Amino acid sequence: MTARINFERELTQLHERILLMSSMVEEMLQQSIEALKNKDISLAQKVIKKDDGIDEKELEIQDFCIQLIARQRPLAKDLRLITASLKIITDLERIADHAVDISKITLQLSEESYIKPLIDIPRMAELAKLMMKDSIDSYVKENAEFAKEVAEKDDEIDHLFKQIYRELLVYMMEDPSKITQATHFLFVARYLERVADHTTNICEAVIYLVTGIYKDLNA
């Protein structure tokens, strides 16, 4: 009984570490879009510098999971929980990478006048951030149905991406001098779409954790 209690305590610690990593990544994503909107070089550089901390956090949690497997030799759902956790931190790290990618674009565009006010990109970012937050919530609560609902919001992200793509394509066709900047904004939208894809991967991990069945939600 004591061994089980200790194991459950360690699993709680695992949840807490993932929640901390998730909050760090969420902040990076939020700040990357704020920096882009406001041409805030200092904030963009701050986001880029945070990436090392996320990489360290991923390695720290990986090591914790490996130690849990080695010491506790978990079976069934306990093993799925640790496996899902390893998958989740990988996707969180990828999301952080995309926040860095957006910040690097901010540095490239900081001296330019934007070809249009940024409206749909921040909307897309807000939805992607909410998806990520809810996916982690579904993980902590082990709620597969909620994970499915979160993943379905990816369709809205895809719709916004197509809308942004079409609008920027018109700008490029009408004025070739805007091609470079429009292309940068297309990359930002693509990075946000990838954030949603990684969030969907997290939802898949949650469903696997709860049901033991892998379901491809990106199909």
Protein backbone atom coordinates (compact mmCIF):
# COMPACT_ATOMS: atom_id res chain seq x y z
CA MET A 1 0.00 0.00 0.00
CA THR A 2 2.82 2.39 0.89
CA ALA A 3 4.49 1.76 -2.47
CA ARG A 4 1.23 2.60 -4.27
CA ILE A 5 0.77 5.78 -2.28
CA ASN A 6 4.31 6.86 -3.14
CA PHE A 7 3.72 6.07 -6.79
CA GLU A 8 0.52 8.11 -6.88
CA ARG A 9 2.38 10.97 -5.24
CA GLU A 10 5.00 10.80 -7.98
CA LEU A 11 2.28 10.76 -10.65
CA THR A 12 0.86 13.91 -9.08
CA GLN A 13 4.31 15.46 -9.32
CA LEU A 14 4.40 14.48 -13.00
CA HIS A 15 1.10 16.29 -13.57
CA GLU A 16 2.45 19.36 -11.81
CA ARG A 17 5.61 19.41 -13.92
CA ILE A 18 3.62 19.16 -17.13
CA LEU A 19 1.27 21.92 -15.98
CA LEU A 20 4.27 24.14 -15.29
CA MET A 21 5.79 23.41 -18.70
CA SER A 22 2.41 24.05 -20.34
CA SER A 23 2.03 27.42 -18.62
CA MET A 24 5.53 28.40 -19.74
CA VAL A 25 4.74 27.47 -23.35
CA GLU A 26 1.39 29.25 -23.23
CA GLU A 27 3.11 32.42 -22.04
CA MET A 28 5.67 32.16 -24.86
CA LEU A 29 2.92 31.81 -27.45
CA GLN A 30 1.02 34.78 -26.05
CA GLN A 31 4.11 36.95 -25.90
CA SER A 32 5.22 36.01 -29.42
CA ILE A 33 1.94 37.33 -30.85
CA GLU A 34 2.04 40.44 -28.65
CA ALA A 35 5.56 41.12 -29.89
CA LEU A 36 4.44 40.70 -33.50
CA LYS A 37 1.45 42.99 -33.10
CA ASN A 38 3.43 45.71 -31.34
CA LYS A 39 6.76 45.24 -33.13
CA ASP A 40 8.25 44.70 -29.70
CA ILE A 41 11.84 43.59 -30.33
CA SER A 42 12.63 43.24 -26.64
CA LEU A 43 9.66 40.92 -26.02
CA ALA A 44 10.46 38.87 -29.13
CA GLN A 45 14.03 38.38 -27.92
CA LYS A 46 12.70 37.42 -24.49
CA VAL A 47 10.59 34.67 -26.05
CA ILE A 48 13.56 33.35 -28.02
CA LYS A 49 15.70 33.20 -24.88
CA LYS A 50 13.01 31.21 -23.05
CA ASP A 51 13.38 28.32 -25.49
CA ASP A 52 16.39 26.90 -23.66
CA GLY A 53 14.31 26.71 -20.48
CA ILE A 54 11.61 24.74 -22.28
CA ASP A 55 14.19 22.32 -23.66
CA GLU A 56 15.57 21.83 -20.15
CA LYS A 57 12.08 21.27 -18.78
CA GLU A 58 11.37 18.64 -21.44
CA LEU A 59 14.56 16.76 -20.59
CA GLU A 60 13.81 17.02 -16.87
CA ILE A 61 10.34 15.49 -17.30
CA GLN A 62 11.67 12.82 -19.67
CA ASP A 63 14.20 11.79 -17.02
CA PHE A 64 11.49 11.77 -14.33
CA CYS A 65 9.31 9.50 -16.49
CA ILE A 66 12.18 7.11 -17.21
CA GLN A 67 12.95 6.87 -13.50
CA LEU A 68 9.28 6.14 -12.78
CA ILE A 69 9.26 3.30 -15.29
CA ALA A 70 12.53 1.88 -13.96
CA ARG A 71 11.52 2.03 -10.28
CA GLN A 72 7.81 1.29 -10.40
CA ARG A 73 7.54 -0.96 -13.48
CA PRO A 74 4.02 0.34 -14.16
CA LEU A 75 1.43 -1.69 -16.05
CA ALA A 76 -1.79 -0.97 -17.92
CA LYS A 77 -3.16 2.53 -17.36
CA ASP A 78 -0.22 3.66 -15.22
CA LEU A 79 2.15 2.85 -18.08
CA ARG A 80 -0.16 4.59 -20.56
CA LEU A 81 -0.15 7.67 -18.35
CA ILE A 82 3.63 7.90 -18.42
CA THR A 83 3.76 7.14 -22.16
CA ALA A 84 1.14 9.82 -22.86
CA SER A 85 3.08 12.28 -20.71
CA LEU A 86 6.22 11.71 -22.75
CA LYS A 87 4.25 12.37 -25.93
CA ILE A 88 2.65 15.51 -24.51
CA ILE A 89 5.91 17.18 -23.48
CA THR A 90 7.31 16.55 -26.97
CA ASP A 91 4.37 18.40 -28.51
CA LEU A 92 4.64 21.21 -25.95
CA GLU A 93 8.29 21.64 -26.89
CA ARG A 94 7.32 21.86 -30.57
CA ILE A 95 4.73 24.53 -29.77
CA ALA A 96 7.42 26.53 -27.96
CA ASP A 97 9.60 26.22 -31.08
CA HIS A 98 6.82 27.80 -33.14
CA ALA A 99 6.54 30.69 -30.66
CA VAL A 100 10.26 31.23 -31.25
CA ASP A 101 9.74 31.05 -35.02
CA ILE A 102 7.08 33.78 -34.79
CA SER A 103 9.37 35.91 -32.64
CA LYS A 104 12.18 35.64 -35.18
CA ILE A 105 9.80 36.91 -37.85
CA THR A 106 8.97 39.85 -35.58
CA LEU A 107 12.65 40.75 -35.51
CA GLN A 108 12.77 40.62 -39.31
CA LEU A 109 9.70 42.85 -39.72
CA SER A 110 10.33 45.27 -36.87
CA GLU A 111 11.48 48.12 -39.14
CA GLU A 112 8.66 47.73 -41.66
CA SER A 113 5.16 49.19 -41.83
CA TYR A 114 2.70 46.33 -41.88
CA ILE A 115 0.70 45.91 -45.07
CA LYS A 116 -2.47 45.55 -42.98
CA PRO A 117 -3.65 45.60 -39.37
CA LEU A 118 -3.20 42.23 -37.69
CA ILE A 119 -6.67 40.92 -36.88
CA ASP A 120 -7.09 37.32 -38.00
CA ILE A 121 -3.60 36.19 -36.94
CA PRO A 122 -4.20 37.23 -33.29
CA ARG A 123 -7.63 35.55 -33.45
CA MET A 124 -6.00 32.40 -34.73
CA ALA A 125 -3.36 32.59 -31.99
CA GLU A 126 -5.96 33.07 -29.26
CA LEU A 127 -7.90 30.04 -30.42
CA ALA A 128 -4.72 27.94 -30.67
CA LYS A 129 -3.70 29.00 -27.18
CA LEU A 130 -7.13 28.09 -25.78
CA MET A 131 -6.96 24.71 -27.51
CA MET A 132 -3.59 24.03 -25.94
CA LYS A 133 -4.78 25.04 -22.48
CA ASP A 134 -7.91 22.88 -22.76
CA SER A 135 -5.96 19.89 -24.07
CA ILE A 136 -3.77 19.96 -20.96
CA ASP A 137 -6.90 20.30 -18.83
CA SER A 138 -8.31 17.17 -20.50
CA TYR A 139 -5.04 15.39 -19.67
CA VAL A 140 -5.11 16.33 -15.99
CA LYS A 141 -8.78 15.34 -15.70
CA GLU A 142 -8.29 12.27 -17.91
CA ASN A 143 -11.36 13.31 -19.87
CA ALA A 144 -11.36 11.69 -23.31
CA GLU A 145 -14.64 13.27 -24.42
CA PHE A 146 -13.35 16.75 -23.65
CA ALA A 147 -10.15 15.92 -25.55
CA LYS A 148 -12.26 15.05 -28.61
CA GLU A 149 -14.14 18.34 -28.32
CA VAL A 150 -10.89 20.29 -28.11
CA ALA A 151 -9.46 18.54 -31.17
CA GLU A 152 -12.55 19.44 -33.21
CA LYS A 153 -11.66 23.12 -32.84
CA ASP A 154 -8.77 22.46 -35.20
CA ASP A 155 -11.27 22.86 -38.06
CA GLU A 156 -11.78 26.49 -37.06
CA ILE A 157 -8.03 27.03 -37.06
CA ASP A 158 -7.80 25.53 -40.54
CA HIS A 159 -10.62 27.80 -41.73
CA LEU A 160 -8.82 30.88 -40.41
CA PHE A 161 -5.59 29.78 -42.07
CA LYS A 162 -7.29 29.46 -45.44
CA GLN A 163 -8.89 32.88 -44.97
CA ILE A 164 -5.54 34.47 -44.14
CA TYR A 165 -3.87 32.66 -47.04
CA ARG A 166 -6.43 33.94 -49.55
CA GLU A 167 -6.23 37.50 -48.25
CA LEU A 168 -2.43 37.62 -48.32
CA LEU A 169 -2.38 36.06 -51.77
CA VAL A 170 -4.48 38.98 -53.04
CA TYR A 171 -2.00 41.45 -51.51
CA MET A 172 0.89 39.70 -53.27
CA MET A 173 -0.89 39.63 -56.61
CA GLU A 174 -1.88 43.29 -56.46
CA ASP A 175 1.48 44.58 -55.29
CA PRO A 176 4.63 42.46 -55.79
CA SER A 177 6.53 44.72 -53.36
CA LYS A 178 4.42 43.21 -50.56
CA ILE A 179 5.32 39.62 -51.38
CA THR A 180 8.13 39.27 -48.83
CA GLN A 181 6.15 40.61 -45.88
CA ALA A 182 3.01 38.73 -46.89
CA THR A 183 5.07 35.55 -47.05
CA HIS A 184 6.32 36.18 -43.50
CA PHE A 185 2.74 36.53 -42.29
CA LEU A 186 1.84 33.32 -44.11
CA PHE A 187 4.60 31.59 -42.19
CA VAL A 188 3.17 32.94 -38.92
CA ALA A 189 -0.26 31.57 -39.81
CA ARG A 190 1.31 28.24 -40.74
CA TYR A 191 3.14 28.08 -37.41
CA LEU A 192 -0.15 28.70 -35.59
CA GLU A 193 -1.80 25.96 -37.63
CA ARG A 194 1.01 23.65 -36.54
CA VAL A 195 0.39 24.66 -32.91
CA ALA A 196 -3.17 23.45 -33.33
CA ASP A 197 -1.90 20.21 -34.89
CA HIS A 198 0.39 19.59 -31.92
CA THR A 199 -2.51 20.33 -29.60
CA THR A 200 -4.54 17.72 -31.46
CA ASN A 201 -1.66 15.29 -30.86
CA ILE A 202 -1.98 16.00 -27.14
CA CYS A 203 -5.69 15.19 -27.36
CA GLU A 204 -4.82 11.90 -29.07
CA ALA A 205 -2.47 11.10 -26.18
CA VAL A 206 -5.25 11.80 -23.68
CA ILE A 207 -7.68 9.50 -25.50
CA TYR A 208 -5.01 6.78 -25.59
CA LEU A 209 -4.39 7.28 -21.88
CA VAL A 210 -8.07 6.86 -21.00
CA THR A 211 -9.15 4.20 -23.50
CA GLY A 212 -5.97 2.38 -24.45
CA ILE A 213 -6.85 2.99 -28.10
CA TYR A 214 -4.91 5.30 -30.42
CA LYS A 215 -7.14 7.46 -32.58
CA ASP A 216 -5.77 9.69 -35.33
CA LEU A 217 -7.57 13.02 -34.90
CA ASN A 218 -5.50 14.81 -37.55
CA ALA A 219 -6.95 12.71 -40.35
